Amino acid sequence: MNRSEFIITTAIILFVAFCVGWFANWLVHRFTRLSQSDIGELEKMSKSLHDAEELRDQAITYLQTRETEMSSQLLQTEAELRAAMEGLRDARTEAEELRTYVEKRKPINPSGN
């Protein structure tokens, strides 16, 4: 094989390799290409995901607000309960003092009536 035949043979082999590579690339892109319906479906799923994330954020905000309100209401109720218990304790003490005072002031009846 002389030099010219070697160059021609190498050029043909490289050209065939180029054609096979180009054809393989075309096949890969042909089979992995997304159709318009697939793109539309992906856009629809993206919008649904975005809407779901917004709804989740709104729910979290609502729950945090509600939790704050409920905590405030609980603290207020506990304060009212403490005030009521203190008032009841004072009333019992006063009632006991009055009972003791009345029993001291009660005249002793020797007949037993």
Protein backbone atom coordinates (compact mmCIF):
# COMPACT_ATOMS: atom_id res chain seq x y z
CA MET A 1 0.00 0.00 0.00
CA ASN A 2 1.53 3.27 -1.04
CA ARG A 3 1.15 6.65 0.54
CA SER A 4 -1.78 7.85 -1.61
CA GLU A 5 -3.82 4.69 -0.99
CA PHE A 6 -3.17 4.98 2.75
CA ILE A 7 -4.36 8.60 2.80
CA ILE A 8 -7.49 7.77 0.77
CA THR A 9 -8.27 4.75 2.95
CA THR A 10 -7.80 6.80 6.13
CA ALA A 11 -10.01 9.60 4.75
CA ILE A 12 -12.75 7.09 3.84
CA ILE A 13 -12.56 5.48 7.31
CA LEU A 14 -12.73 8.89 9.01
CA PHE A 15 -15.64 9.93 6.79
CA VAL A 16 -17.53 6.71 7.59
CA ALA A 17 -16.80 7.21 11.32
CA PHE A 18 -18.09 10.79 11.03
CA CYS A 19 -21.27 9.59 9.29
CA VAL A 20 -21.88 6.85 11.87
CA GLY A 21 -21.37 9.36 14.71
CA TRP A 22 -23.67 11.89 13.09
CA PHE A 23 -26.33 9.22 12.52
CA ALA A 24 -26.02 8.01 16.14
CA ASN A 25 -26.36 11.58 17.37
CA TRP A 26 -29.44 12.09 15.17
CA LEU A 27 -31.00 8.87 16.53
CA VAL A 28 -30.35 9.83 20.16
CA HIS A 29 -31.92 13.25 19.67
CA ARG A 30 -34.80 11.79 17.73
CA PHE A 31 -35.76 9.38 20.50
CA THR A 32 -35.06 11.67 23.45
CA ARG A 33 -36.73 14.75 21.98
CA LEU A 34 -39.72 16.02 23.96
CA SER A 35 -42.96 16.45 22.09
CA GLN A 36 -45.16 19.53 22.48
CA SER A 37 -47.65 17.55 24.57
CA ASP A 38 -44.85 16.50 26.92
CA ILE A 39 -43.71 20.11 27.25
CA GLY A 40 -47.30 21.19 27.91
CA GLU A 41 -47.68 18.50 30.55
CA LEU A 42 -44.43 19.56 32.21
CA GLU A 43 -45.61 23.18 32.27
CA LYS A 44 -48.93 22.09 33.77
CA MET A 45 -47.14 20.05 36.45
CA SER A 46 -44.82 23.00 37.16
CA LYS A 47 -47.80 25.32 37.63
CA SER A 48 -49.52 22.80 39.89
CA LEU A 49 -46.38 22.48 41.98
CA HIS A 50 -46.06 26.25 42.24
CA ASP A 51 -49.72 26.56 43.30
CA ALA A 52 -49.27 23.80 45.88
CA GLU A 53 -46.21 25.55 47.32
CA GLU A 54 -48.13 28.83 47.59
CA LEU A 55 -51.01 27.04 49.30
CA ARG A 56 -48.57 25.38 51.70
CA ASP A 57 -47.01 28.74 52.54
CA GLN A 58 -50.45 30.24 53.18
CA ALA A 59 -51.38 27.30 55.42
CA ILE A 60 -48.15 27.66 57.40
CA THR A 61 -48.76 31.38 57.84
CA TYR A 62 -52.35 30.72 58.96
CA LEU A 63 -51.24 28.06 61.42
CA GLN A 64 -48.56 30.32 62.89
CA THR A 65 -51.09 33.13 63.30
CA ARG A 66 -53.60 30.76 64.84
CA GLU A 67 -50.99 29.34 67.21
CA THR A 68 -50.06 32.85 68.34
CA GLU A 69 -53.71 33.71 68.95
CA MET A 70 -54.32 30.49 70.86
CA SER A 71 -51.20 30.99 73.00
CA SER A 72 -52.32 34.52 73.82
CA GLN A 73 -55.81 33.31 74.68
CA LEU A 74 -54.37 30.53 76.87
CA LEU A 75 -52.19 33.00 78.78
CA GLN A 76 -55.17 35.29 79.29
CA THR A 77 -57.34 32.40 80.49
CA GLU A 78 -54.62 31.24 82.89
CA ALA A 79 -54.32 34.78 84.28
CA GLU A 80 -58.09 34.94 84.77
CA LEU A 81 -58.03 31.54 86.49
CA ARG A 82 -55.27 32.67 88.87
CA ALA A 83 -57.25 35.83 89.67
CA ALA A 84 -60.42 33.80 90.26
CA MET A 85 -58.57 31.30 92.49
CA GLU A 86 -57.04 34.16 94.49
CA GLY A 87 -60.47 35.76 94.87
CA LEU A 88 -61.95 32.43 95.98
CA ARG A 89 -59.12 31.97 98.50
CA ASP A 90 -59.76 35.48 99.86
CA ALA A 91 -63.51 34.77 100.05
CA ARG A 92 -62.93 31.52 101.96
CA THR A 93 -60.59 33.26 104.37
CA GLU A 94 -63.15 36.01 104.92
CA ALA A 95 -65.96 33.46 105.35
CA GLU A 96 -63.89 31.57 107.93
CA GLU A 97 -63.14 34.81 109.80
CA LEU A 98 -66.86 35.71 109.79
CA ARG A 99 -67.78 32.22 110.99
CA THR A 100 -65.28 32.52 113.84
CA TYR A 101 -66.56 36.00 114.71
CA VAL A 102 -70.21 34.83 114.73
CA GLU A 103 -69.42 31.86 116.94
CA LYS A 104 -67.58 34.11 119.40
CA ARG A 105 -70.51 36.57 119.49
CA LYS A 106 -73.14 33.86 119.85
CA PRO A 107 -74.53 33.83 123.40
CA ILE A 108 -74.22 30.57 125.23
CA ASN A 109 -77.67 29.17 125.97
CA PRO A 110 -77.64 27.00 129.08
CA SER A 111 -80.95 25.35 128.21
CA GLY A 112 -79.44 23.73 125.11
CA ASN A 113 -81.67 25.45 122.52
